[in-house]
């Protein structure tokens, strides 16, 4: 059975990997009921670990103290669960395809002009169906690699559950012709979920993004 994270860990960690979020999105990410999440957010606000940011992009976010507490709780959980080696192995498998996926995202956003194969790349306006089909085909191949990684993680820590489904949902939308679901931010696009999983690895293993290369 996968290790079940404490609700406090799940709420703090969700805000860590998302940056900031509405309560209902935290509930979806943590597989918790919205009232329970709202109760934890109110409690964590009272302890100074989270705050609500108003404005055009509003939502709950960690404070500096909350980030430190989240890191401490994650370290304790990883040691208690005995999952460090398994998560690190999955992380290495993820890194093996990460660079290729980022190049794939660039190829989705830019393309070589059909009339000038040697020319500079231009913004992909999706007027070349052959180009789009080729990039989507490569995304399908990436998905075939990342799905087993997501499945393995879900057997280790329950809070990793859901990534496989979210990747699959985004891919199906892209294949159905909804271009936004490849790389658009602020929605559950394939790139958004990918970035979140990457951040989840770093937070769980305590690896600063700036020193990631040295920590592999």
N, C-alpha and C. Protein backbone atom coordinates (compact mmCIF):
# COMPACT_ATOMS: atom_id res chain seq x y z
N UNK A 1 0.83 -1.20 0.00
CA UNK A 1 0.00 0.00 0.00
C UNK A 1 0.88 1.25 0.00
N UNK A 2 0.50 2.27 -0.80
CA UNK A 2 1.28 3.52 -0.80
C UNK A 2 1.15 4.25 0.54
N UNK A 3 2.17 4.98 0.88
CA UNK A 3 2.15 5.76 2.12
C UNK A 3 1.13 6.89 2.00
N UNK A 4 0.29 7.03 3.03
CA UNK A 4 -0.73 8.07 3.07
C UNK A 4 -0.18 9.29 3.81
N UNK A 5 -0.06 10.40 3.11
CA UNK A 5 0.46 11.62 3.72
C UNK A 5 -0.58 12.24 4.64
N UNK A 6 -0.11 12.88 5.71
CA UNK A 6 -0.99 13.61 6.61
C UNK A 6 -1.63 14.76 5.84
N UNK A 7 -2.89 15.11 6.15
CA UNK A 7 -3.55 16.21 5.43
C UNK A 7 -2.75 17.51 5.42
N UNK A 8 -2.09 17.82 6.52
CA UNK A 8 -1.28 19.05 6.57
C UNK A 8 -0.16 18.99 5.53
N UNK A 9 0.49 17.85 5.41
CA UNK A 9 1.54 17.68 4.41
C UNK A 9 0.97 17.86 3.02
N UNK A 10 -0.18 17.27 2.76
CA UNK A 10 -0.76 17.33 1.42
C UNK A 10 -1.13 18.75 1.03
N UNK A 11 -1.70 19.51 1.97
CA UNK A 11 -2.10 20.89 1.66
C UNK A 11 -0.87 21.77 1.45
N UNK A 12 0.09 21.70 2.36
CA UNK A 12 1.30 22.51 2.21
C UNK A 12 2.06 22.14 0.94
N UNK A 13 2.16 20.85 0.67
CA UNK A 13 2.92 20.40 -0.49
C UNK A 13 2.23 20.81 -1.79
N UNK A 14 0.91 20.77 -1.82
CA UNK A 14 0.19 21.19 -3.02
C UNK A 14 0.48 22.65 -3.34
N UNK A 15 0.50 23.49 -2.32
CA UNK A 15 0.82 24.91 -2.55
C UNK A 15 2.27 25.09 -2.94
N UNK A 16 3.15 24.23 -2.43
CA UNK A 16 4.57 24.31 -2.81
C UNK A 16 4.75 24.05 -4.31
N UNK A 17 4.12 23.01 -4.82
CA UNK A 17 4.36 22.64 -6.21
C UNK A 17 3.57 23.51 -7.19
N UNK A 18 2.47 24.13 -6.73
CA UNK A 18 1.65 24.95 -7.61
C UNK A 18 1.97 26.45 -7.52
N UNK A 19 2.65 26.85 -6.46
CA UNK A 19 2.96 28.27 -6.29
C UNK A 19 1.85 28.97 -5.54
N UNK A 20 0.65 28.98 -6.09
CA UNK A 20 -0.53 29.45 -5.38
C UNK A 20 -1.73 28.79 -6.05
N UNK A 21 -2.84 28.73 -5.30
CA UNK A 21 -3.96 27.95 -5.83
C UNK A 21 -5.23 28.29 -5.07
N UNK A 22 -6.36 28.09 -5.74
CA UNK A 22 -7.66 28.20 -5.09
C UNK A 22 -7.91 26.95 -4.26
N UNK A 23 -8.77 27.06 -3.27
CA UNK A 23 -9.02 25.94 -2.36
C UNK A 23 -9.54 24.72 -3.10
N UNK A 24 -10.42 24.92 -4.08
CA UNK A 24 -10.98 23.76 -4.78
C UNK A 24 -9.93 23.03 -5.61
N UNK A 25 -8.92 23.75 -6.09
CA UNK A 25 -7.84 23.11 -6.84
C UNK A 25 -6.90 22.35 -5.89
N UNK A 26 -6.70 22.89 -4.70
CA UNK A 26 -5.92 22.17 -3.69
C UNK A 26 -6.64 20.88 -3.34
N UNK A 27 -7.96 20.96 -3.20
CA UNK A 27 -8.75 19.76 -2.88
C UNK A 27 -8.60 18.71 -3.97
N UNK A 28 -8.63 19.14 -5.23
CA UNK A 28 -8.50 18.20 -6.34
C UNK A 28 -7.12 17.56 -6.35
N UNK A 29 -6.09 18.37 -6.11
CA UNK A 29 -4.72 17.86 -6.15
C UNK A 29 -4.42 16.94 -4.98
N UNK A 30 -5.04 17.19 -3.83
CA UNK A 30 -4.74 16.42 -2.63
C UNK A 30 -5.71 15.26 -2.40
N UNK A 31 -6.73 15.16 -3.26
CA UNK A 31 -7.77 14.14 -3.13
C UNK A 31 -8.45 14.27 -1.76
N UNK A 32 -8.80 15.52 -1.43
CA UNK A 32 -9.49 15.83 -0.18
C UNK A 32 -10.79 16.57 -0.50
N UNK A 33 -11.71 16.59 0.45
CA UNK A 33 -12.94 17.34 0.28
C UNK A 33 -12.67 18.83 0.48
N UNK A 34 -13.38 19.67 -0.26
CA UNK A 34 -13.15 21.12 -0.20
C UNK A 34 -13.31 21.66 1.23
N UNK A 35 -14.35 21.31 1.99
CA UNK A 35 -14.46 21.83 3.36
C UNK A 35 -13.26 21.48 4.23
N UNK A 36 -12.72 20.26 4.06
CA UNK A 36 -11.55 19.86 4.85
C UNK A 36 -10.35 20.72 4.47
N UNK A 37 -10.16 20.94 3.18
CA UNK A 37 -9.04 21.78 2.72
C UNK A 37 -9.21 23.20 3.25
N UNK A 38 -10.41 23.74 3.15
CA UNK A 38 -10.65 25.10 3.63
C UNK A 38 -10.36 25.20 5.13
N UNK A 39 -10.72 24.17 5.88
CA UNK A 39 -10.42 24.17 7.31
C UNK A 39 -8.92 24.20 7.57
N UNK A 40 -8.17 23.40 6.82
CA UNK A 40 -6.72 23.39 6.98
C UNK A 40 -6.11 24.73 6.56
N UNK A 41 -6.61 25.33 5.50
CA UNK A 41 -6.06 26.62 5.05
C UNK A 41 -6.29 27.70 6.10
N UNK A 42 -7.47 27.71 6.72
CA UNK A 42 -7.74 28.67 7.79
C UNK A 42 -6.79 28.43 8.96
N UNK A 43 -6.60 27.17 9.33
CA UNK A 43 -5.69 26.85 10.43
C UNK A 43 -4.26 27.27 10.09
N UNK A 44 -3.80 26.93 8.89
CA UNK A 44 -2.43 27.24 8.50
C UNK A 44 -2.21 28.74 8.34
N UNK A 45 -3.27 29.46 7.99
CA UNK A 45 -3.16 30.92 7.95
C UNK A 45 -2.96 31.46 9.36
N UNK A 46 -3.64 30.87 10.35
CA UNK A 46 -3.51 31.33 11.73
C UNK A 46 -2.13 31.06 12.30
N UNK A 47 -1.44 30.03 11.78
CA UNK A 47 -0.10 29.71 12.25
C UNK A 47 0.98 30.43 11.44
N UNK A 48 0.56 31.19 10.43
CA UNK A 48 1.51 31.96 9.63
C UNK A 48 2.17 31.18 8.52
N UNK A 49 1.64 30.00 8.20
CA UNK A 49 2.27 29.16 7.18
C UNK A 49 1.73 29.41 5.77
N UNK A 50 0.53 29.96 5.66
CA UNK A 50 -0.04 30.30 4.35
C UNK A 50 -0.71 31.66 4.43
N UNK A 51 -0.93 32.25 3.28
CA UNK A 51 -1.69 33.49 3.22
C UNK A 51 -2.47 33.52 1.91
N UNK A 52 -3.52 34.35 1.89
CA UNK A 52 -4.33 34.47 0.68
C UNK A 52 -3.92 35.73 -0.06
N UNK A 53 -3.60 35.58 -1.33
CA UNK A 53 -3.17 36.73 -2.13
C UNK A 53 -4.34 37.22 -2.97
N UNK A 54 -4.68 38.49 -2.82
CA UNK A 54 -5.73 39.10 -3.60
C UNK A 54 -5.16 39.66 -4.90
N UNK A 55 -6.02 39.92 -5.87
CA UNK A 55 -5.56 40.54 -7.12
C UNK A 55 -6.06 39.79 -8.33
N UNK A 56 -5.51 40.15 -9.48
CA UNK A 56 -5.94 39.54 -10.74
C UNK A 56 -5.70 38.04 -10.72
N UNK A 57 -4.59 37.63 -10.12
CA UNK A 57 -4.30 36.21 -9.96
C UNK A 57 -4.28 35.92 -8.45
N UNK A 58 -5.44 35.61 -7.92
CA UNK A 58 -5.57 35.43 -6.48
C UNK A 58 -5.54 33.96 -6.12
N UNK A 59 -5.26 33.69 -4.85
CA UNK A 59 -5.23 32.31 -4.39
C UNK A 59 -4.40 32.17 -3.13
N UNK A 60 -4.36 30.95 -2.60
CA UNK A 60 -3.57 30.66 -1.41
C UNK A 60 -2.13 30.36 -1.78
N UNK A 61 -1.20 30.77 -0.94
CA UNK A 61 0.21 30.53 -1.19
C UNK A 61 0.95 30.35 0.13
N UNK A 62 2.11 29.72 0.06
CA UNK A 62 2.94 29.53 1.25
C UNK A 62 3.65 30.83 1.64
N UNK A 63 3.83 31.01 2.93
CA UNK A 63 4.73 32.04 3.42
C UNK A 63 6.14 31.43 3.48
N UNK A 64 7.12 32.25 3.81
CA UNK A 64 8.47 31.73 3.98
C UNK A 64 8.51 30.67 5.08
N UNK A 65 7.78 30.94 6.17
CA UNK A 65 7.72 29.98 7.27
C UNK A 65 7.01 28.69 6.82
N UNK A 66 5.98 28.84 6.02
CA UNK A 66 5.25 27.67 5.54
C UNK A 66 6.09 26.81 4.62
N UNK A 67 6.90 27.45 3.81
CA UNK A 67 7.78 26.68 2.91
C UNK A 67 8.78 25.87 3.74
N UNK A 68 9.34 26.49 4.78
CA UNK A 68 10.30 25.78 5.63
C UNK A 68 9.63 24.62 6.35
N UNK A 69 8.40 24.85 6.83
CA UNK A 69 7.69 23.77 7.51
C UNK A 69 7.37 22.64 6.55
N UNK A 70 6.96 22.98 5.32
CA UNK A 70 6.66 21.96 4.32
C UNK A 70 7.89 21.11 4.04
N UNK A 71 9.05 21.76 3.91
CA UNK A 71 10.28 21.02 3.64
C UNK A 71 10.62 20.08 4.78
N UNK A 72 10.42 20.55 6.02
CA UNK A 72 10.72 19.72 7.19
C UNK A 72 9.79 18.51 7.24
N UNK A 73 8.49 18.74 6.99
CA UNK A 73 7.53 17.64 7.02
C UNK A 73 7.78 16.63 5.90
N UNK A 74 8.18 17.12 4.74
CA UNK A 74 8.46 16.21 3.63
C UNK A 74 9.66 15.33 3.93
N UNK A 75 10.67 15.91 4.54
CA UNK A 75 11.86 15.14 4.91
C UNK A 75 11.50 14.05 5.92
N UNK A 76 10.70 14.42 6.92
CA UNK A 76 10.28 13.44 7.91
C UNK A 76 9.46 12.33 7.26
N UNK A 77 8.56 12.70 6.34
CA UNK A 77 7.71 11.71 5.69
C UNK A 77 8.53 10.75 4.84
N UNK A 78 9.48 11.29 4.10
CA UNK A 78 10.27 10.45 3.20
C UNK A 78 11.07 9.41 3.99
N UNK A 79 11.61 9.82 5.13
CA UNK A 79 12.36 8.89 5.95
C UNK A 79 11.43 7.85 6.60
N UNK A 80 10.28 8.31 7.07
CA UNK A 80 9.35 7.40 7.76
C UNK A 80 8.75 6.38 6.80
N UNK A 81 8.53 6.79 5.56
CA UNK A 81 7.89 5.90 4.58
C UNK A 81 8.86 4.91 3.96
N UNK A 82 10.17 5.20 4.03
CA UNK A 82 11.17 4.33 3.42
C UNK A 82 11.14 4.35 1.90
N UNK A 83 10.63 5.45 1.33
CA UNK A 83 10.44 5.53 -0.13
C UNK A 83 11.53 6.31 -0.86
N UNK A 84 12.54 6.78 -0.14
CA UNK A 84 13.50 7.67 -0.78
C UNK A 84 14.13 7.04 -2.03
N UNK A 85 14.61 5.83 -1.93
CA UNK A 85 15.28 5.21 -3.07
C UNK A 85 14.34 5.05 -4.26
N UNK A 86 13.10 4.66 -3.98
CA UNK A 86 12.14 4.48 -5.06
C UNK A 86 11.80 5.78 -5.75
N UNK A 87 11.59 6.84 -4.96
CA UNK A 87 11.27 8.14 -5.55
C UNK A 87 12.47 8.67 -6.33
N UNK A 88 13.67 8.47 -5.80
CA UNK A 88 14.86 8.96 -6.50
C UNK A 88 15.07 8.21 -7.81
N UNK A 89 14.79 6.91 -7.82
CA UNK A 89 14.91 6.14 -9.05
C UNK A 89 13.92 6.64 -10.10
N UNK A 90 12.68 6.92 -9.68
CA UNK A 90 11.67 7.45 -10.61
C UNK A 90 12.09 8.83 -11.11
N UNK A 91 12.68 9.62 -10.24
CA UNK A 91 13.17 10.95 -10.62
C UNK A 91 14.24 10.86 -11.70
N UNK A 92 15.14 9.93 -11.58
CA UNK A 92 16.18 9.76 -12.60
C UNK A 92 15.57 9.34 -13.93
N UNK A 93 14.56 8.46 -13.87
CA UNK A 93 13.87 8.07 -15.10
C UNK A 93 13.18 9.27 -15.74
N UNK A 94 12.60 10.13 -14.90
CA UNK A 94 11.94 11.34 -15.38
C UNK A 94 12.95 12.28 -16.05
N UNK A 95 14.10 12.47 -15.41
CA UNK A 95 15.11 13.36 -15.97
C UNK A 95 15.61 12.87 -17.33
N UNK A 96 15.58 11.55 -17.53
CA UNK A 96 16.07 11.00 -18.80
C UNK A 96 15.24 11.45 -19.98
N UNK A 97 13.97 11.83 -19.73
CA UNK A 97 13.10 12.29 -20.82
C UNK A 97 12.75 13.78 -20.70
N UNK A 98 13.19 14.41 -19.61
CA UNK A 98 12.80 15.80 -19.37
C UNK A 98 13.31 16.74 -20.46
N UNK A 99 14.59 16.63 -20.81
CA UNK A 99 15.15 17.55 -21.81
C UNK A 99 14.45 17.37 -23.15
N UNK A 100 14.20 16.13 -23.53
CA UNK A 100 13.51 15.88 -24.78
C UNK A 100 12.10 16.45 -24.78
N UNK A 101 11.42 16.38 -23.65
CA UNK A 101 10.07 16.95 -23.58
C UNK A 101 10.10 18.46 -23.73
N UNK A 102 11.08 19.12 -23.10
CA UNK A 102 11.18 20.57 -23.22
C UNK A 102 11.46 20.98 -24.67
N UNK A 103 12.29 20.22 -25.37
CA UNK A 103 12.53 20.49 -26.78
C UNK A 103 11.25 20.28 -27.58
N UNK A 104 10.48 19.30 -27.20
CA UNK A 104 9.21 19.02 -27.86
C UNK A 104 8.25 20.20 -27.70
N UNK A 105 8.22 20.80 -26.51
CA UNK A 105 7.37 21.96 -26.29
C UNK A 105 7.79 23.13 -27.17
N UNK A 106 9.11 23.31 -27.33
CA UNK A 106 9.60 24.35 -28.23
C UNK A 106 9.15 24.09 -29.66
N UNK A 107 9.21 22.86 -30.09
CA UNK A 107 8.80 22.50 -31.45
C UNK A 107 7.30 22.69 -31.64
N UNK A 108 6.53 22.63 -30.56
CA UNK A 108 5.10 22.88 -30.66
C UNK A 108 4.81 24.37 -30.79
N UNK A 109 5.66 25.17 -30.17
CA UNK A 109 5.45 26.62 -30.18
C UNK A 109 6.08 27.30 -31.39
N UNK A 110 7.14 26.68 -31.95
CA UNK A 110 7.84 27.24 -33.11
C UNK A 110 7.99 26.17 -34.18
N UNK A 111 8.05 26.58 -35.42
CA UNK A 111 8.24 25.62 -36.51
C UNK A 111 9.05 26.26 -37.63
N UNK A 112 9.66 25.41 -38.44
CA UNK A 112 10.40 25.87 -39.61
C UNK A 112 9.41 26.16 -40.73
N UNK A 113 9.53 27.31 -41.40
CA UNK A 113 8.59 27.63 -42.48
C UNK A 113 8.63 26.57 -43.58
N UNK A 114 7.46 26.14 -44.03
CA UNK A 114 7.38 25.10 -45.05
C UNK A 114 8.04 25.55 -46.36
N UNK A 115 7.97 26.86 -46.65
CA UNK A 115 8.53 27.36 -47.90
C UNK A 115 10.03 27.63 -47.81
N UNK A 116 10.58 27.54 -46.58
CA UNK A 116 12.00 27.84 -46.39
C UNK A 116 12.56 26.91 -45.30
N UNK A 117 12.83 25.66 -45.65
CA UNK A 117 13.27 24.67 -44.65
C UNK A 117 14.55 25.04 -43.91
N UNK A 118 15.35 25.91 -44.48
CA UNK A 118 16.60 26.31 -43.82
C UNK A 118 16.46 27.65 -43.09
N UNK A 119 15.29 28.23 -43.13
CA UNK A 119 15.09 29.54 -42.52
C UNK A 119 14.91 29.48 -41.01
N UNK A 120 14.82 30.67 -40.41
CA UNK A 120 14.62 30.74 -38.97
C UNK A 120 13.21 30.28 -38.62
N UNK A 121 13.09 29.70 -37.44
CA UNK A 121 11.78 29.22 -37.00
C UNK A 121 10.84 30.39 -36.72
N UNK A 122 9.58 30.14 -36.95
CA UNK A 122 8.54 31.15 -36.72
C UNK A 122 7.53 30.59 -35.72
N UNK A 123 6.70 31.47 -35.20
CA UNK A 123 5.66 31.03 -34.27
C UNK A 123 4.73 30.04 -34.97
N UNK A 124 4.48 28.94 -34.32
CA UNK A 124 3.61 27.92 -34.89
C UNK A 124 2.16 28.38 -34.83
N UNK A 125 1.59 28.70 -35.99
CA UNK A 125 0.19 29.11 -36.04
C UNK A 125 -0.74 27.93 -36.32
N UNK A 126 -0.19 26.75 -36.31
CA UNK A 126 -0.94 25.50 -36.51
C UNK A 126 -1.61 25.41 -37.88
N UNK A 127 -0.97 26.06 -38.84
CA UNK A 127 -1.47 25.99 -40.22
C UNK A 127 -0.81 24.85 -41.00
N UNK A 128 0.17 24.20 -40.38
CA UNK A 128 0.85 23.07 -41.01
C UNK A 128 0.47 21.79 -40.27
N UNK A 129 -0.54 21.08 -40.75
CA UNK A 129 -1.01 19.89 -40.03
C UNK A 129 0.03 18.79 -39.94
N UNK A 130 0.93 18.70 -40.91
CA UNK A 130 1.96 17.67 -40.86
C UNK A 130 2.92 17.92 -39.70
N UNK A 131 3.29 19.19 -39.51
CA UNK A 131 4.18 19.55 -38.39
C UNK A 131 3.50 19.20 -37.07
N UNK A 132 2.26 19.62 -36.90
CA UNK A 132 1.56 19.37 -35.65
C UNK A 132 1.40 17.88 -35.39
N UNK A 133 1.07 17.13 -36.43
CA UNK A 133 0.88 15.69 -36.27
C UNK A 133 2.17 15.02 -35.83
N UNK A 134 3.30 15.47 -36.38
CA UNK A 134 4.59 14.88 -36.02
C UNK A 134 4.94 15.17 -34.55
N UNK A 135 4.67 16.40 -34.11
CA UNK A 135 4.98 16.76 -32.73
C UNK A 135 4.05 16.01 -31.77
N UNK A 136 2.79 15.91 -32.11
CA UNK A 136 1.85 15.17 -31.26
C UNK A 136 2.24 13.70 -31.19
N UNK A 137 2.71 13.16 -32.31
CA UNK A 137 3.18 11.78 -32.30
C UNK A 137 4.32 11.57 -31.33
N UNK A 138 5.22 12.55 -31.26
CA UNK A 138 6.33 12.47 -30.31
C UNK A 138 5.83 12.62 -28.87
N UNK A 139 4.78 13.42 -28.68
CA UNK A 139 4.20 13.56 -27.34
C UNK A 139 3.59 12.23 -26.89
N UNK A 140 2.97 11.52 -27.81
CA UNK A 140 2.42 10.20 -27.48
C UNK A 140 3.55 9.27 -27.01
N UNK A 141 4.71 9.35 -27.66
CA UNK A 141 5.84 8.52 -27.27
C UNK A 141 6.35 8.91 -25.87
N UNK A 142 6.41 10.20 -25.60
CA UNK A 142 6.82 10.66 -24.26
C UNK A 142 5.83 10.16 -23.22
N UNK A 143 4.55 10.25 -23.53
CA UNK A 143 3.53 9.80 -22.59
C UNK A 143 3.67 8.32 -22.27
N UNK A 144 4.07 7.53 -23.26
CA UNK A 144 4.27 6.09 -23.02
C UNK A 144 5.41 5.83 -22.06
N UNK A 145 6.35 6.78 -21.98
CA UNK A 145 7.46 6.65 -21.04
C UNK A 145 7.07 7.15 -19.65
N UNK A 146 6.36 8.26 -19.59
CA UNK A 146 6.07 8.88 -18.29
C UNK A 146 4.94 8.17 -17.54
N UNK A 147 4.05 7.49 -18.24
CA UNK A 147 2.95 6.83 -17.55
C UNK A 147 3.44 5.77 -16.56
N UNK A 148 4.39 4.89 -16.94
CA UNK A 148 4.90 3.93 -15.94
C UNK A 148 5.58 4.61 -14.76
N UNK A 149 6.23 5.75 -15.00
CA UNK A 149 6.86 6.49 -13.91
C UNK A 149 5.79 6.97 -12.94
N UNK A 150 4.71 7.54 -13.48
CA UNK A 150 3.61 8.02 -12.64
C UNK A 150 2.97 6.87 -11.87
N UNK A 151 2.80 5.74 -12.53
CA UNK A 151 2.20 4.58 -11.87
C UNK A 151 3.07 4.09 -10.71
N UNK A 152 4.38 4.04 -10.93
CA UNK A 152 5.30 3.59 -9.89
C UNK A 152 5.27 4.53 -8.69
N UNK A 153 5.26 5.83 -8.95
CA UNK A 153 5.22 6.81 -7.87
C UNK A 153 3.97 6.65 -7.02
N UNK A 154 2.84 6.37 -7.68
CA UNK A 154 1.57 6.23 -6.97
C UNK A 154 1.57 5.03 -6.04
N UNK A 155 2.44 4.05 -6.30
CA UNK A 155 2.53 2.90 -5.39
C UNK A 155 3.41 3.20 -4.19
N UNK A 156 4.16 4.30 -4.25
CA UNK A 156 5.07 4.65 -3.17
C UNK A 156 4.44 5.66 -2.21
N UNK A 157 4.02 6.80 -2.76
CA UNK A 157 3.40 7.85 -1.97
C UNK A 157 2.05 8.20 -2.60
N UNK A 158 1.00 8.12 -1.82
CA UNK A 158 -0.34 8.32 -2.36
C UNK A 158 -0.51 9.72 -2.95
N UNK A 159 0.22 10.71 -2.42
CA UNK A 159 0.05 12.07 -2.93
C UNK A 159 0.56 12.23 -4.36
N UNK A 160 1.28 11.23 -4.89
CA UNK A 160 1.67 11.27 -6.30
C UNK A 160 0.57 10.71 -7.20
N UNK A 161 -0.47 10.14 -6.60
CA UNK A 161 -1.54 9.56 -7.41
C UNK A 161 -2.24 10.66 -8.22
N UNK A 162 -2.61 10.35 -9.44
CA UNK A 162 -3.33 11.31 -10.27
C UNK A 162 -2.54 11.86 -11.43
N UNK A 163 -1.22 11.80 -11.38
CA UNK A 163 -0.43 12.35 -12.47
C UNK A 163 -0.68 11.61 -13.78
N UNK A 164 -0.76 10.29 -13.72
CA UNK A 164 -1.01 9.53 -14.93
C UNK A 164 -2.31 9.93 -15.59
N UNK A 165 -3.37 10.07 -14.78
CA UNK A 165 -4.67 10.49 -15.30
C UNK A 165 -4.62 11.88 -15.89
N UNK A 166 -3.93 12.79 -15.22
CA UNK A 166 -3.88 14.18 -15.69
C UNK A 166 -3.08 14.29 -16.99
N UNK A 167 -1.98 13.54 -17.09
CA UNK A 167 -1.23 13.51 -18.35
C UNK A 167 -2.12 12.96 -19.47
N UNK A 168 -2.84 11.88 -19.18
CA UNK A 168 -3.69 11.27 -20.18
C UNK A 168 -4.80 12.19 -20.64
N UNK A 169 -5.41 12.91 -19.69
CA UNK A 169 -6.49 13.85 -20.04
C UNK A 169 -5.97 14.96 -20.95
N UNK A 170 -4.80 15.52 -20.61
CA UNK A 170 -4.24 16.60 -21.43
C UNK A 170 -3.91 16.10 -22.83
N UNK A 171 -3.32 14.91 -22.92
CA UNK A 171 -2.96 14.35 -24.22
C UNK A 171 -4.19 14.14 -25.09
N UNK A 172 -5.25 13.63 -24.50
CA UNK A 172 -6.47 13.39 -25.29
C UNK A 172 -7.05 14.69 -25.82
N UNK A 173 -6.98 15.75 -25.04
CA UNK A 173 -7.47 17.05 -25.51
C UNK A 173 -6.62 17.56 -26.67
N UNK A 174 -5.30 17.38 -26.56
CA UNK A 174 -4.42 17.80 -27.66
C UNK A 174 -4.73 17.01 -28.92
N UNK A 175 -4.88 15.72 -28.79
CA UNK A 175 -5.16 14.86 -29.94
C UNK A 175 -6.53 15.17 -30.54
N UNK A 176 -7.42 15.73 -29.73
CA UNK A 176 -8.75 16.09 -30.22
C UNK A 176 -8.76 17.45 -30.91
N UNK A 177 -7.60 18.12 -30.92
CA UNK A 177 -7.49 19.39 -31.62
C UNK A 177 -7.47 20.63 -30.76
N UNK A 178 -7.47 20.48 -29.44
CA UNK A 178 -7.41 21.63 -28.55
C UNK A 178 -5.95 21.96 -28.26
N UNK A 179 -5.39 22.87 -29.03
CA UNK A 179 -3.96 23.16 -28.97
C UNK A 179 -3.50 23.69 -27.61
N UNK A 180 -4.39 24.37 -26.88
CA UNK A 180 -4.00 24.96 -25.60
C UNK A 180 -3.50 23.93 -24.61
N UNK A 181 -3.97 22.69 -24.73
CA UNK A 181 -3.68 21.69 -23.70
C UNK A 181 -2.31 21.05 -23.85
N UNK A 182 -1.51 21.58 -24.77
CA UNK A 182 -0.12 21.13 -24.88
C UNK A 182 0.77 21.93 -23.94
N UNK A 183 0.78 23.25 -24.06
CA UNK A 183 1.75 24.04 -23.29
C UNK A 183 1.15 25.26 -22.58
N UNK A 184 -0.13 25.52 -22.71
CA UNK A 184 -0.67 26.76 -22.13
C UNK A 184 -0.59 26.74 -20.61
N UNK A 185 -0.10 27.84 -20.01
CA UNK A 185 -0.06 27.91 -18.54
C UNK A 185 -1.44 28.19 -17.97
N UNK A 186 -1.57 27.99 -16.66
CA UNK A 186 -2.78 28.31 -15.89
C UNK A 186 -3.95 27.38 -16.18
N UNK A 187 -3.73 26.35 -17.01
CA UNK A 187 -4.70 25.27 -17.14
C UNK A 187 -3.93 23.96 -16.96
N UNK A 188 -4.65 22.84 -16.89
CA UNK A 188 -4.00 21.56 -16.67
C UNK A 188 -3.42 21.00 -17.97
N UNK A 189 -2.65 21.83 -18.69
CA UNK A 189 -2.02 21.39 -19.93
C UNK A 189 -0.94 20.36 -19.62
N UNK A 190 -0.48 19.67 -20.67
CA UNK A 190 0.54 18.64 -20.45
C UNK A 190 1.78 19.26 -19.83
N UNK A 191 2.17 20.44 -20.30
CA UNK A 191 3.35 21.11 -19.77
C UNK A 191 3.14 21.52 -18.32
N UNK A 192 1.94 22.01 -17.98
CA UNK A 192 1.65 22.40 -16.60
C UNK A 192 1.81 21.21 -15.65
N UNK A 193 1.24 20.07 -16.04
CA UNK A 193 1.33 18.87 -15.19
C UNK A 193 2.77 18.39 -15.11
N UNK A 194 3.49 18.47 -16.23
CA UNK A 194 4.89 18.06 -16.26
C UNK A 194 5.73 18.91 -15.31
N UNK A 195 5.54 20.22 -15.38
CA UNK A 195 6.29 21.14 -14.52
C UNK A 195 5.97 20.86 -13.05
N UNK A 196 4.69 20.60 -12.77
CA UNK A 196 4.30 20.32 -11.39
C UNK A 196 4.94 19.02 -10.88
N UNK A 197 4.96 17.99 -11.72
CA UNK A 197 5.60 16.73 -11.31
C UNK A 197 7.08 16.95 -11.05
N UNK A 198 7.73 17.73 -11.92
CA UNK A 198 9.16 18.03 -11.73
C UNK A 198 9.37 18.72 -10.38
N UNK A 199 8.55 19.72 -10.10
CA UNK A 199 8.67 20.45 -8.84
C UNK A 199 8.37 19.52 -7.66
N UNK A 200 7.45 18.59 -7.85
CA UNK A 200 7.11 17.62 -6.81
C UNK A 200 8.33 16.76 -6.47
N UNK A 201 9.03 16.30 -7.50
CA UNK A 201 10.26 15.53 -7.29
C UNK A 201 11.27 16.34 -6.47
N UNK A 202 11.51 17.57 -6.90
CA UNK A 202 12.52 18.40 -6.25
C UNK A 202 12.16 18.66 -4.79
N UNK A 203 10.88 18.98 -4.54
CA UNK A 203 10.45 19.26 -3.18
C UNK A 203 10.54 18.00 -2.31
N UNK A 204 10.09 16.89 -2.85
CA UNK A 204 10.08 15.64 -2.09
C UNK A 204 11.49 15.19 -1.72
N UNK A 205 12.42 15.32 -2.66
CA UNK A 205 13.79 14.86 -2.44
C UNK A 205 14.69 15.94 -1.84
N UNK A 206 14.16 17.15 -1.68
CA UNK A 206 14.95 18.23 -1.09
C UNK A 206 16.07 18.71 -1.99
N UNK A 207 15.81 18.75 -3.29
CA UNK A 207 16.83 19.17 -4.26
C UNK A 207 16.53 20.57 -4.76
N UNK A 208 17.39 21.56 -4.50
CA UNK A 208 17.18 22.90 -5.05
C UNK A 208 17.25 22.85 -6.58
N UNK A 209 16.31 23.52 -7.24
CA UNK A 209 16.30 23.48 -8.71
C UNK A 209 17.63 23.97 -9.29
N UNK A 210 18.23 25.00 -8.66
CA UNK A 210 19.46 25.57 -9.20
C UNK A 210 20.62 24.58 -9.15
N UNK A 211 20.57 23.63 -8.23
CA UNK A 211 21.69 22.68 -8.11
C UNK A 211 21.28 21.29 -8.56
N UNK A 212 20.22 21.20 -9.35
CA UNK A 212 19.70 19.90 -9.75
C UNK A 212 20.74 19.05 -10.46
N UNK A 213 21.50 19.63 -11.35
CA UNK A 213 22.47 18.86 -12.15
C UNK A 213 23.50 18.19 -11.25
N UNK A 214 23.89 18.87 -10.18
CA UNK A 214 24.91 18.30 -9.29
C UNK A 214 24.31 17.23 -8.38
N UNK A 215 22.97 17.23 -8.23
CA UNK A 215 22.34 16.32 -7.28
C UNK A 215 21.90 15.00 -7.91
N UNK A 216 22.00 14.89 -9.24
CA UNK A 216 21.54 13.69 -9.92
C UNK A 216 22.43 12.49 -9.54
